[in-house]
C-alpha atoms as a PDB file:
ATOM      1  CA  UNK A   1       2.444   1.782  17.590  1.00  0.00           C
ATOM      2  CA  UNK A   2       0.099  -0.989  18.713  1.00  0.00           C
ATOM      3  CA  UNK A   3      -1.199  -1.316  15.175  1.00  0.00           C
ATOM      4  CA  UNK A   4       2.355  -1.903  14.062  1.00  0.00           C
ATOM      5  CA  UNK A   5       2.754  -4.660  16.628  1.00  0.00           C
ATOM      6  CA  UNK A   6      -0.389  -6.369  15.344  1.00  0.00           C
ATOM      7  CA  UNK A   7       1.029  -6.339  11.823  1.00  0.00           C
ATOM      8  CA  UNK A   8       4.410  -7.566  13.017  1.00  0.00           C
ATOM      9  CA  UNK A   9       2.740 -10.386  14.943  1.00  0.00           C
ATOM     10  CA  UNK A  10       0.864 -11.490  11.831  1.00  0.00           C
ATOM     11  CA  UNK A  11       4.135 -11.353   9.883  1.00  0.00           C
ATOM     12  CA  UNK A  12       5.815 -13.589  12.463  1.00  0.00           C
ATOM     13  CA  UNK A  13       2.941 -16.068  12.299  1.00  0.00           C
ATOM     14  CA  UNK A  14       3.138 -16.196   8.485  1.00  0.00           C
ATOM     15  CA  UNK A  15       6.928 -16.564   8.501  1.00  0.00           C
ATOM     16  CA  UNK A  16       6.732 -19.337  11.080  1.00  0.00           C
ATOM     17  CA  UNK A  17       4.073 -21.165   9.074  1.00  0.00           C
ATOM     18  CA  UNK A  18       6.198 -20.948   5.944  1.00  0.00           C
ATOM     19  CA  UNK A  19       9.221 -22.326   7.774  1.00  0.00           C
ATOM     20  CA  UNK A  20       7.210 -25.110   9.374  1.00  0.00           C
ATOM     21  CA  UNK A  21       4.863 -26.244   6.621  1.00  0.00           C
ATOM     22  CA  UNK A  22       6.085 -24.964   3.242  1.00  0.00           C
ATOM     23  CA  UNK A  23       9.836 -25.561   3.306  1.00  0.00           C
ATOM     24  CA  UNK A  24      11.288 -29.037   3.064  1.00  0.00           C
ATOM     25  CA  UNK A  25      14.885 -27.941   3.518  1.00  0.00           C
ATOM     26  CA  UNK A  26      17.216 -29.377   6.108  1.00  0.00           C
ATOM     27  CA  UNK A  27      20.180 -27.477   7.458  1.00  0.00           C
ATOM     28  CA  UNK A  28      22.711 -28.963   9.814  1.00  0.00           C
ATOM     29  CA  UNK A  29      22.828 -26.035  12.239  1.00  0.00           C
ATOM     30  CA  UNK A  30      19.062 -25.540  12.910  1.00  0.00           C
ATOM     31  CA  UNK A  31      15.732 -27.332  12.904  1.00  0.00           C
ATOM     32  CA  UNK A  32      13.518 -25.079  10.769  1.00  0.00           C
ATOM     33  CA  UNK A  33      10.301 -26.714  11.996  1.00  0.00           C
ATOM     34  CA  UNK A  34      11.120 -25.794  15.594  1.00  0.00           C
ATOM     35  CA  UNK A  35      12.113 -22.256  14.616  1.00  0.00           C
ATOM     36  CA  UNK A  36       8.844 -21.918  12.695  1.00  0.00           C
ATOM     37  CA  UNK A  37       6.774 -23.052  15.671  1.00  0.00           C
ATOM     38  CA  UNK A  38       8.643 -20.625  17.949  1.00  0.00           C
ATOM     39  CA  UNK A  39       7.975 -17.782  15.486  1.00  0.00           C
ATOM     40  CA  UNK A  40       4.266 -18.666  15.293  1.00  0.00           C
ATOM     41  CA  UNK A  41       3.960 -18.663  19.101  1.00  0.00           C
ATOM     42  CA  UNK A  42       5.863 -15.369  19.356  1.00  0.00           C
ATOM     43  CA  UNK A  43       3.669 -13.878  16.625  1.00  0.00           C
ATOM     44  CA  UNK A  44       0.521 -14.938  18.455  1.00  0.00           C
ATOM     45  CA  UNK A  45       1.774 -13.335  21.673  1.00  0.00           C
ATOM     46  CA  UNK A  46       2.758 -10.094  19.922  1.00  0.00           C
ATOM     47  CA  UNK A  47      -0.618  -9.928  18.180  1.00  0.00           C
ATOM     48  CA  UNK A  48      -2.529 -10.508  21.428  1.00  0.00           C
ATOM     49  CA  UNK A  49      -0.467  -7.859  23.254  1.00  0.00           C
ATOM     50  CA  UNK A  50      -1.045  -5.402  20.393  1.00  0.00           C
ATOM     51  CA  UNK A  51      -4.799  -5.960  20.566  1.00  0.00           C
ATOM     52  CA  UNK A  52      -4.752  -5.480  24.353  1.00  0.00           C
ATOM     53  CA  UNK A  53      -2.837  -2.210  23.969  1.00  0.00           C
ATOM     54  CA  UNK A  54      -5.310  -0.950  21.372  1.00  0.00           C
ATOM     55  CA  UNK A  55      -8.247  -1.770  23.643  1.00  0.00           C
ATOM     56  CA  UNK A  56      -6.633  -0.144  26.689  1.00  0.00           C
ATOM     57  CA  UNK A  57      -5.917   3.141  24.937  1.00  0.00           C
ATOM     58  CA  UNK A  58      -7.766   5.938  26.632  1.00  0.00           C
ATOM     59  CA  UNK A  59      -8.483   9.372  25.339  1.00  0.00           C
ATOM     60  CA  UNK A  60      -8.457  12.547  27.367  1.00  0.00           C
ATOM     61  CA  UNK A  61     -11.276  15.034  27.052  1.00  0.00           C
ATOM     62  CA  UNK A  62     -10.392  18.647  27.756  1.00  0.00           C
ATOM     63  CA  UNK A  63     -12.720  21.605  27.809  1.00  0.00           C
ATOM     64  CA  UNK A  64     -12.029  25.330  28.013  1.00  0.00           C
ATOM     65  CA  UNK A  65     -14.696  27.903  28.810  1.00  0.00           C
ATOM     66  CA  UNK A  66     -14.169  31.638  28.772  1.00  0.00           C
ATOM     67  CA  UNK A  67     -16.599  34.154  30.186  1.00  0.00           C
ATOM     68  CA  UNK A  68     -16.851  37.437  32.049  1.00  0.00           C
ATOM     69  CA  UNK A  69     -17.897  38.012  35.637  1.00  0.00           C
ATOM     70  CA  UNK A  70     -20.116  40.819  36.929  1.00  0.00           C
ATOM     71  CA  UNK A  71     -17.144  43.235  37.136  1.00  0.00           C
ATOM     72  CA  UNK A  72     -16.158  42.644  33.502  1.00  0.00           C
ATOM     73  CA  UNK A  73     -13.124  40.527  34.305  1.00  0.00           C
ATOM     74  CA  UNK A  74     -12.346  37.703  31.938  1.00  0.00           C
ATOM     75  CA  UNK A  75     -12.552  34.233  33.520  1.00  0.00           C
ATOM     76  CA  UNK A  76     -11.193  31.102  31.877  1.00  0.00           C
ATOM     77  CA  UNK A  77     -12.025  27.666  33.205  1.00  0.00           C
ATOM     78  CA  UNK A  78     -10.165  24.592  32.029  1.00  0.00           C
ATOM     79  CA  UNK A  79     -11.126  21.042  32.890  1.00  0.00           C
ATOM     80  CA  UNK A  80      -9.611  17.756  31.788  1.00  0.00           C
ATOM     81  CA  UNK A  81     -11.101  14.314  32.245  1.00  0.00           C
ATOM     82  CA  UNK A  82      -9.949  10.853  31.259  1.00  0.00           C
ATOM     83  CA  UNK A  83     -12.578   9.115  29.178  1.00  0.00           C
ATOM     84  CA  UNK A  84     -13.326   5.779  30.870  1.00  0.00           C
ATOM     85  CA  UNK A  85     -13.664   2.718  28.711  1.00  0.00           C
END
C-alpha cells in the first residue's frame, strides 16, 4: 500500500500544479490557485509519508530445522527473527 500512496501523492501534486499554473478559469465559489497549492502541499506530505513507510518496512526471517536425537525421536526447531534495518 505505501507504493500506492506514493503514486497518489504524485497525482495530487500534478493536479494541484494544473489547477494553479495551467488553468486561467475563475469561479465565484472557489479560488482555484489556493486549492491547487493545498493539493500540492498535501501531495508532498502523502509522498513523503509513503516513502517513510516503504523505508520502515521490516521483513521477518523464519527458520525451521528438523532432526533426530540419539533415541530416534524427531525434533523440530523453529526460530523467527525480525530483520533489522
